[in-house]
Amino acid sequence: MKKPLVAVLSGAGISTDSGIPDYRGPNGLWRRDPEAEKLVTYEYYMGDPEIRRRAWRMRREAGTLHARPNAAHRAVAELERAGVPVRVLTQNVDGLHQLAGMPARKVLELHGTARGVVCTGCGARGAMEDALARVDAGEEDPPCGACGGVLKPATVMFGERLDPVVLGEALSIAKACEVFVAVGTSLQVQPAAGLAGVAADHGARLVVVNAEPTPYDDRAAEVIREPIGTALPELLRGLG
């Protein structure tokens, strides 16, 4: 018997148990420090060296590279290992789905990755670890080693377009899946949030696992408000 294709759209809420704060929740980064949003806004980042210096300091202190997958990430990987066709569409940039054991080719990082850097001038790419080592050594705003251009994380900042190829693949998965689980996402940031609607439009069973209400709750077959670390593993065991 053919197993149904399961799409998991994950947002910041899935990684809070790994020590990575979310953005819009009650204790979220934007609520605590509204100025922090400028650090990940392309126009401000490119136009103000002081914003870039603050952004590099924030990355050093954030500890994203040292975070470890939690029970929710592991549950998604276990479902895939159990032979269920799983595709992860993630709004997160932390790489924790892959560290938990999801094959990288089955994870679409809609907003890029914080584990790499890219030059805004020549497009050269490198490891975030290497760039942070340069910051530790005293370079407050390390330029590109190849052309001297401005380095930024390989994430999609506010004001930047999503990679059209990645978004196209995500849309195809949303249309093809039989089950679509939106977990730890406010479903407010487009176009990623719209994938839940696309899946529902194409007949998928939509399940929302999130502490706060989302704009797609009324379209969901099931809405779960329990803590993600216990609720998601339980839900996915049922699918497996």
C-alpha atoms as a PDB file:
ATOM      1  CA  MET A   1       0.000   0.000   0.000  1.00  0.00           C
ATOM      2  CA  LYS A   2       1.382   3.369  -1.039  1.00  0.00           C
ATOM      3  CA  LYS A   3       2.170   5.630   1.911  1.00  0.00           C
ATOM      4  CA  PRO A   4       0.898   9.228   1.691  1.00  0.00           C
ATOM      5  CA  LEU A   5       3.334  12.059   0.969  1.00  0.00           C
ATOM      6  CA  VAL A   6       3.732  14.157   4.130  1.00  0.00           C
ATOM      7  CA  ALA A   7       4.899  17.766   3.860  1.00  0.00           C
ATOM      8  CA  VAL A   8       6.127  19.466   7.032  1.00  0.00           C
ATOM      9  CA  LEU A   9       6.287  23.261   6.988  1.00  0.00           C
ATOM     10  CA  SER A  10       8.364  24.241  10.017  1.00  0.00           C
ATOM     11  CA  GLY A  11       8.826  27.679  11.557  1.00  0.00           C
ATOM     12  CA  ALA A  12      10.780  29.148  14.458  1.00  0.00           C
ATOM     13  CA  GLY A  13       8.587  27.449  17.079  1.00  0.00           C
ATOM     14  CA  ILE A  14      10.041  24.016  16.304  1.00  0.00           C
ATOM     15  CA  SER A  15      13.530  25.211  17.297  1.00  0.00           C
ATOM     16  CA  THR A  16      12.780  27.059  20.551  1.00  0.00           C
ATOM     17  CA  ASP A  17      13.396  23.825  22.533  1.00  0.00           C
ATOM     18  CA  SER A  18      16.892  23.868  20.988  1.00  0.00           C
ATOM     19  CA  GLY A  19      17.513  27.278  22.567  1.00  0.00           C
ATOM     20  CA  ILE A  20      16.879  29.372  19.443  1.00  0.00           C
ATOM     21  CA  PRO A  21      14.356  32.151  20.193  1.00  0.00           C
ATOM     22  CA  ASP A  22      11.424  32.697  17.870  1.00  0.00           C
ATOM     23  CA  TYR A  23      10.603  36.090  16.376  1.00  0.00           C
ATOM     24  CA  ARG A  24       6.920  36.843  16.868  1.00  0.00           C
ATOM     25  CA  GLY A  25       5.968  34.784  19.932  1.00  0.00           C
ATOM     26  CA  PRO A  26       5.278  36.323  23.366  1.00  0.00           C
ATOM     27  CA  ASN A  27       9.029  36.293  24.165  1.00  0.00           C
ATOM     28  CA  GLY A  28      10.093  36.667  20.545  1.00  0.00           C
ATOM     29  CA  LEU A  29      13.099  38.596  19.328  1.00  0.00           C
ATOM     30  CA  TRP A  30      11.081  41.302  17.562  1.00  0.00           C
ATOM     31  CA  ARG A  31       8.914  41.937  20.626  1.00  0.00           C
ATOM     32  CA  ARG A  32      11.914  42.223  22.948  1.00  0.00           C
ATOM     33  CA  ASP A  33      13.989  44.376  20.584  1.00  0.00           C
ATOM     34  CA  PRO A  34      12.102  45.964  17.678  1.00  0.00           C
ATOM     35  CA  GLU A  35      15.431  47.419  16.443  1.00  0.00           C
ATOM     36  CA  ALA A  36      16.717  43.869  15.881  1.00  0.00           C
ATOM     37  CA  GLU A  37      14.567  43.583  12.750  1.00  0.00           C
ATOM     38  CA  LYS A  38      16.849  46.132  11.059  1.00  0.00           C
ATOM     39  CA  LEU A  39      19.786  43.745  11.453  1.00  0.00           C
ATOM     40  CA  VAL A  40      18.100  41.311   9.060  1.00  0.00           C
ATOM     41  CA  THR A  41      16.638  43.883   6.646  1.00  0.00           C
ATOM     42  CA  TYR A  42      18.653  44.056   3.405  1.00  0.00           C
ATOM     43  CA  GLU A  43      18.363  47.810   2.850  1.00  0.00           C
ATOM     44  CA  TYR A  44      19.553  48.709   6.371  1.00  0.00           C
ATOM     45  CA  TYR A  45      22.237  46.006   6.348  1.00  0.00           C
ATOM     46  CA  MET A  46      23.749  47.170   3.060  1.00  0.00           C
ATOM     47  CA  GLY A  47      23.465  50.880   3.810  1.00  0.00           C
ATOM     48  CA  ASP A  48      24.827  51.117   7.350  1.00  0.00           C
ATOM     49  CA  PRO A  49      28.199  49.672   8.485  1.00  0.00           C
ATOM     50  CA  GLU A  50      27.122  50.054  12.147  1.00  0.00           C
ATOM     51  CA  ILE A  51      24.072  47.821  11.490  1.00  0.00           C
ATOM     52  CA  ARG A  52      26.428  45.229   9.967  1.00  0.00           C
ATOM     53  CA  ARG A  53      28.763  45.381  12.970  1.00  0.00           C
ATOM     54  CA  ARG A  54      25.791  44.896  15.312  1.00  0.00           C
ATOM     55  CA  ALA A  55      24.546  42.019  13.135  1.00  0.00           C
ATOM     56  CA  TRP A  56      27.912  40.235  13.327  1.00  0.00           C
ATOM     57  CA  ARG A  57      27.952  40.704  17.136  1.00  0.00           C
ATOM     58  CA  MET A  58      24.424  39.279  17.312  1.00  0.00           C
ATOM     59  CA  ARG A  59      25.471  36.229  15.255  1.00  0.00           C
ATOM     60  CA  ARG A  60      28.439  35.588  17.543  1.00  0.00           C
ATOM     61  CA  GLU A  61      26.210  35.706  20.617  1.00  0.00           C
ATOM     62  CA  ALA A  62      23.241  33.818  19.130  1.00  0.00           C
ATOM     63  CA  GLY A  63      24.929  30.412  19.278  1.00  0.00           C
ATOM     64  CA  THR A  64      22.836  29.057  16.378  1.00  0.00           C
ATOM     65  CA  LEU A  65      25.789  27.006  15.109  1.00  0.00           C
ATOM     66  CA  HIS A  66      26.023  25.222  18.485  1.00  0.00           C
ATOM     67  CA  ALA A  67      22.296  24.386  18.766  1.00  0.00           C
ATOM     68  CA  ARG A  68      21.297  20.734  18.674  1.00  0.00           C
ATOM     69  CA  PRO A  69      18.124  19.146  17.232  1.00  0.00           C
ATOM     70  CA  ASN A  70      15.310  18.476  19.695  1.00  0.00           C
ATOM     71  CA  ALA A  71      12.585  15.803  19.936  1.00  0.00           C
ATOM     72  CA  ALA A  72      10.445  17.486  17.253  1.00  0.00           C
ATOM     73  CA  HIS A  73      13.263  17.573  14.667  1.00  0.00           C
ATOM     74  CA  ARG A  74      14.130  13.955  15.480  1.00  0.00           C
ATOM     75  CA  ALA A  75      10.484  12.865  15.095  1.00  0.00           C
ATOM     76  CA  VAL A  76      10.382  14.229  11.526  1.00  0.00           C
ATOM     77  CA  ALA A  77      13.598  12.384  10.637  1.00  0.00           C
ATOM     78  CA  GLU A  78      12.298   9.174  12.258  1.00  0.00           C
ATOM     79  CA  LEU A  79       9.116   9.342  10.160  1.00  0.00           C
ATOM     80  CA  GLU A  80      11.265   9.547   7.013  1.00  0.00           C
ATOM     81  CA  ARG A  81      13.427   6.626   8.180  1.00  0.00           C
ATOM     82  CA  ALA A  82      10.244   4.590   8.761  1.00  0.00           C
ATOM     83  CA  GLY A  83       9.664   4.668   5.000  1.00  0.00           C
ATOM     84  CA  VAL A  84       7.058   7.442   4.836  1.00  0.00           C
ATOM     85  CA  PRO A  85       7.728   9.898   1.980  1.00  0.00           C
ATOM     86  CA  VAL A  86       8.490  13.141   3.873  1.00  0.00           C
ATOM     87  CA  ARG A  87       9.497  16.548   2.561  1.00  0.00           C
ATOM     88  CA  VAL A  88      10.447  19.384   4.893  1.00  0.00           C
ATOM     89  CA  LEU A  89       9.725  22.949   3.817  1.00  0.00           C
ATOM     90  CA  THR A  90      11.371  25.074   6.486  1.00  0.00           C
ATOM     91  CA  GLN A  91      11.290  28.788   7.207  1.00  0.00           C
ATOM     92  CA  ASN A  92      14.187  28.209   9.609  1.00  0.00           C
ATOM     93  CA  VAL A  93      17.821  28.861   8.778  1.00  0.00           C
ATOM     94  CA  ASP A  94      19.359  26.751  11.556  1.00  0.00           C
ATOM     95  CA  GLY A  95      19.970  23.464   9.668  1.00  0.00           C
ATOM     96  CA  LEU A  96      18.601  21.401  12.573  1.00  0.00           C
ATOM     97  CA  HIS A  97      16.384  19.159  10.406  1.00  0.00           C
ATOM     98  CA  GLN A  98      19.480  17.931   8.561  1.00  0.00           C
ATOM     99  CA  LEU A  99      21.448  17.508  11.820  1.00  0.00           C
ATOM    100  CA  ALA A 100      18.561  15.375  13.138  1.00  0.00           C
ATOM    101  CA  GLY A 101      18.999  13.009  10.193  1.00  0.00           C
ATOM    102  CA  MET A 102      16.725  14.306   7.425  1.00  0.00           C
ATOM    103  CA  PRO A 103      18.525  13.882   4.078  1.00  0.00           C
ATOM    104  CA  ALA A 104      19.505  17.360   2.836  1.00  0.00           C
ATOM    105  CA  ARG A 105      17.850  16.696  -0.558  1.00  0.00           C
ATOM    106  CA  LYS A 106      14.491  16.290   1.225  1.00  0.00           C
ATOM    107  CA  VAL A 107      14.757  19.639   3.053  1.00  0.00           C
ATOM    108  CA  LEU A 108      13.889  22.885   1.259  1.00  0.00           C
ATOM    109  CA  GLU A 109      15.284  25.882   3.140  1.00  0.00           C
ATOM    110  CA  LEU A 110      12.860  28.587   2.022  1.00  0.00           C
ATOM    111  CA  HIS A 111      14.758  31.368   3.808  1.00  0.00           C
ATOM    112  CA  GLY A 112      18.292  30.082   3.191  1.00  0.00           C
ATOM    113  CA  THR A 113      20.826  29.015   5.808  1.00  0.00           C
ATOM    114  CA  ALA A 114      22.628  30.755   8.657  1.00  0.00           C
ATOM    115  CA  ARG A 115      25.436  28.207   8.359  1.00  0.00           C
ATOM    116  CA  GLY A 116      26.886  29.925   5.288  1.00  0.00           C
ATOM    117  CA  VAL A 117      27.804  33.419   4.069  1.00  0.00           C
ATOM    118  CA  VAL A 118      27.553  34.953   0.609  1.00  0.00           C
ATOM    119  CA  CYS A 119      29.231  38.003  -0.922  1.00  0.00           C
ATOM    120  CA  THR A 120      26.720  40.576  -2.156  1.00  0.00           C
ATOM    121  CA  GLY A 121      29.275  41.670  -4.759  1.00  0.00           C
ATOM    122  CA  CYS A 122      30.750  38.614  -6.487  1.00  0.00           C
ATOM    123  CA  GLY A 123      28.470  35.891  -5.067  1.00  0.00           C
ATOM    124  CA  ALA A 124      31.331  33.912  -3.474  1.00  0.00           C
ATOM    125  CA  ARG A 125      30.153  31.582  -0.712  1.00  0.00           C
ATOM    126  CA  GLY A 126      31.832  30.402   2.463  1.00  0.00           C
ATOM    127  CA  ALA A 127      31.164  28.929   5.913  1.00  0.00           C
ATOM    128  CA  MET A 128      29.644  31.084   8.648  1.00  0.00           C
ATOM    129  CA  GLU A 129      32.098  29.473  11.092  1.00  0.00           C
ATOM    130  CA  ASP A 130      35.041  30.933   9.154  1.00  0.00           C
ATOM    131  CA  ALA A 131      33.469  34.406   9.029  1.00  0.00           C
ATOM    132  CA  LEU A 132      32.752  34.342  12.780  1.00  0.00           C
ATOM    133  CA  ALA A 133      36.346  33.292  13.436  1.00  0.00           C
ATOM    134  CA  ARG A 134      37.403  36.493  11.628  1.00  0.00           C
ATOM    135  CA  VAL A 135      35.036  38.514  13.835  1.00  0.00           C
ATOM    136  CA  ASP A 136      36.557  36.843  16.914  1.00  0.00           C
ATOM    137  CA  ALA A 137      39.983  37.858  15.593  1.00  0.00           C
ATOM    138  CA  GLY A 138      38.950  41.524  15.530  1.00  0.00           C
ATOM    139  CA  GLU A 139      37.294  42.127  12.129  1.00  0.00           C
ATOM    140  CA  GLU A 140      34.038  43.829  13.095  1.00  0.00           C
ATOM    141  CA  ASP A 141      32.574  43.728   9.565  1.00  0.00           C
ATOM    142  CA  PRO A 142      34.597  41.120   7.639  1.00  0.00           C
ATOM    143  CA  PRO A 143      34.624  41.818   3.871  1.00  0.00           C
ATOM    144  CA  CYS A 144      34.647  39.173   1.136  1.00  0.00           C
ATOM    145  CA  GLY A 145      38.092  37.605   0.829  1.00  0.00           C
ATOM    146  CA  ALA A 146      37.751  37.379  -2.957  1.00  0.00           C
ATOM    147  CA  CYS A 147      36.580  40.874  -3.944  1.00  0.00           C
ATOM    148  CA  GLY A 148      36.317  42.967  -0.763  1.00  0.00           C
ATOM    149  CA  GLY A 149      32.514  43.200  -1.079  1.00  0.00           C
ATOM    150  CA  VAL A 150      29.953  43.104   1.725  1.00  0.00           C
ATOM    151  CA  LEU A 151      29.426  39.662   3.269  1.00  0.00           C
ATOM    152  CA  LYS A 152      25.995  38.630   4.503  1.00  0.00           C
ATOM    153  CA  PRO A 153      24.593  35.386   5.863  1.00  0.00           C
ATOM    154  CA  ALA A 154      23.250  33.036   3.183  1.00  0.00           C
ATOM    155  CA  THR A 155      19.747  33.744   4.465  1.00  0.00           C
ATOM    156  CA  VAL A 156      16.880  35.573   2.789  1.00  0.00           C
ATOM    157  CA  MET A 157      16.704  38.947   4.539  1.00  0.00           C
ATOM    158  CA  PHE A 158      13.612  41.147   4.673  1.00  0.00           C
ATOM    159  CA  GLY A 159      13.510  42.971   1.352  1.00  0.00           C
ATOM    160  CA  GLU A 160      15.061  40.060  -0.583  1.00  0.00           C
ATOM    161  CA  ARG A 161      13.190  37.637  -2.843  1.00  0.00           C
ATOM    162  CA  LEU A 162      13.010  33.954  -2.078  1.00  0.00           C
ATOM    163  CA  ASP A 163      14.952  31.720  -4.459  1.00  0.00           C
ATOM    164  CA  PRO A 164      12.361  31.091  -7.238  1.00  0.00           C
ATOM    165  CA  VAL A 165      13.637  27.529  -7.816  1.00  0.00           C
ATOM    166  CA  VAL A 166      13.261  26.587  -4.135  1.00  0.00           C
ATOM    167  CA  LEU A 167       9.833  28.237  -3.946  1.00  0.00           C
ATOM    168  CA  GLY A 168       8.741  26.426  -7.131  1.00  0.00           C
ATOM    169  CA  GLU A 169       9.752  23.058  -5.656  1.00  0.00           C
ATOM    170  CA  ALA A 170       7.905  23.886  -2.414  1.00  0.00           C
ATOM    171  CA  LEU A 171       4.741  24.739  -4.366  1.00  0.00           C
ATOM    172  CA  SER A 172       4.939  21.431  -6.246  1.00  0.00           C
ATOM    173  CA  ILE A 173       5.220  19.541  -2.942  1.00  0.00           C
ATOM    174  CA  ALA A 174       2.308  21.501  -1.411  1.00  0.00           C
ATOM    175  CA  LYS A 175       0.143  20.564  -4.409  1.00  0.00           C
ATOM    176  CA  ALA A 176       1.157  16.887  -4.377  1.00  0.00           C
ATOM    177  CA  CYS A 177       1.102  16.018  -0.667  1.00  0.00           C
ATOM    178  CA  GLU A 178      -1.734  14.203   1.070  1.00  0.00           C
ATOM    179  CA  VAL A 179      -0.889  15.529   4.538  1.00  0.00           C
ATOM    180  CA  PHE A 180       0.480  19.024   5.251  1.00  0.00           C
ATOM    181  CA  VAL A 181       1.697  19.724   8.794  1.00  0.00           C
ATOM    182  CA  ALA A 182       2.406  23.368   9.653  1.00  0.00           C
ATOM    183  CA  VAL A 183       4.413  23.361  12.887  1.00  0.00           C
ATOM    184  CA  GLY A 184       5.784  26.246  14.942  1.00  0.00           C
ATOM    185  CA  THR A 185       4.918  28.866  12.336  1.00  0.00           C
ATOM    186  CA  SER A 186       2.631  31.886  12.679  1.00  0.00           C
ATOM    187  CA  LEU A 187       1.694  31.395   8.980  1.00  0.00           C
ATOM    188  CA  GLN A 188       1.960  35.152   8.531  1.00  0.00           C
ATOM    189  CA  VAL A 189       5.096  35.508   6.404  1.00  0.00           C
ATOM    190  CA  GLN A 190       4.325  35.145   2.697  1.00  0.00           C
ATOM    191  CA  PRO A 191       4.933  33.431   0.383  1.00  0.00           C
ATOM    192  CA  ALA A 192       5.898  30.538   2.703  1.00  0.00           C
ATOM    193  CA  ALA A 193       2.657  30.801   4.704  1.00  0.00           C
ATOM    194  CA  GLY A 194       0.585  30.518   1.534  1.00  0.00           C
ATOM    195  CA  LEU A 195       1.842  26.958   1.032  1.00  0.00           C
ATOM    196  CA  ALA A 196      -0.633  25.812   3.708  1.00  0.00           C
ATOM    197  CA  GLY A 197      -3.507  27.250   1.648  1.00  0.00           C
ATOM    198  CA  VAL A 198      -2.175  25.709  -1.565  1.00  0.00           C
ATOM    199  CA  ALA A 199      -2.020  22.283   0.095  1.00  0.00           C
ATOM    200  CA  ALA A 200      -5.580  22.601   1.437  1.00  0.00           C
ATOM    201  CA  ASP A 201      -6.822  23.786  -1.980  1.00  0.00           C
ATOM    202  CA  HIS A 202      -5.365  20.630  -3.542  1.00  0.00           C
ATOM    203  CA  GLY A 203      -7.067  18.291  -1.086  1.00  0.00           C
ATOM    204  CA  ALA A 204      -4.364  17.748   1.530  1.00  0.00           C
ATOM    205  CA  ARG A 205      -5.295  17.183   5.162  1.00  0.00           C
ATOM    206  CA  LEU A 206      -3.984  20.342   6.885  1.00  0.00           C
ATOM    207  CA  VAL A 207      -2.756  20.052  10.491  1.00  0.00           C
ATOM    208  CA  VAL A 208      -1.601  23.150  12.393  1.00  0.00           C
ATOM    209  CA  VAL A 209       0.644  22.666  15.453  1.00  0.00           C
ATOM    210  CA  ASN A 210       1.270  26.087  16.980  1.00  0.00           C
ATOM    211  CA  ALA A 211       0.856  27.800  20.356  1.00  0.00           C
ATOM    212  CA  GLU A 212      -0.819  30.907  18.897  1.00  0.00           C
ATOM    213  CA  PRO A 213      -3.756  31.118  16.451  1.00  0.00           C
ATOM    214  CA  THR A 214      -2.843  31.343  12.732  1.00  0.00           C
ATOM    215  CA  PRO A 215      -4.756  32.735   9.721  1.00  0.00           C
ATOM    216  CA  TYR A 216      -5.163  29.160   8.396  1.00  0.00           C
ATOM    217  CA  ASP A 217      -6.689  27.535  11.509  1.00  0.00           C
ATOM    218  CA  ASP A 218     -10.192  27.620  10.002  1.00  0.00           C
ATOM    219  CA  ARG A 219      -8.968  25.604   7.001  1.00  0.00           C
ATOM    220  CA  ALA A 220      -7.233  22.957   9.115  1.00  0.00           C
ATOM    221  CA  ALA A 221      -8.629  19.473   9.730  1.00  0.00           C
ATOM    222  CA  GLU A 222      -6.864  19.589  13.106  1.00  0.00           C
ATOM    223  CA  VAL A 223      -5.364  22.371  15.238  1.00  0.00           C
ATOM    224  CA  ILE A 224      -3.006  21.378  18.066  1.00  0.00           C
ATOM    225  CA  ARG A 225      -2.012  23.907  20.749  1.00  0.00           C
ATOM    226  CA  GLU A 226       0.078  21.517  22.888  1.00  0.00           C
ATOM    227  CA  PRO A 227       3.866  21.997  23.297  1.00  0.00           C
ATOM    228  CA  ILE A 228       5.572  21.047  20.017  1.00  0.00           C
ATOM    229  CA  GLY A 229       8.234  18.840  21.657  1.00  0.00           C
ATOM    230  CA  THR A 230       5.571  16.331  22.737  1.00  0.00           C
ATOM    231  CA  ALA A 231       2.695  17.053  20.313  1.00  0.00           C
ATOM    232  CA  LEU A 232       4.627  16.646  17.057  1.00  0.00           C
ATOM    233  CA  PRO A 233       6.280  13.291  17.877  1.00  0.00           C
ATOM    234  CA  GLU A 234       2.858  11.946  18.935  1.00  0.00           C
ATOM    235  CA  LEU A 235       1.176  13.229  15.754  1.00  0.00           C
ATOM    236  CA  LEU A 236       3.903  11.823  13.469  1.00  0.00           C
ATOM    237  CA  ARG A 237       3.887   8.419  15.205  1.00  0.00           C
ATOM    238  CA  GLY A 238       0.231   8.220  14.217  1.00  0.00           C
ATOM    239  CA  LEU A 239       1.148   8.941  10.589  1.00  0.00           C
ATOM    240  CA  GLY A 240       3.956   6.345  10.637  1.00  0.00           C
END
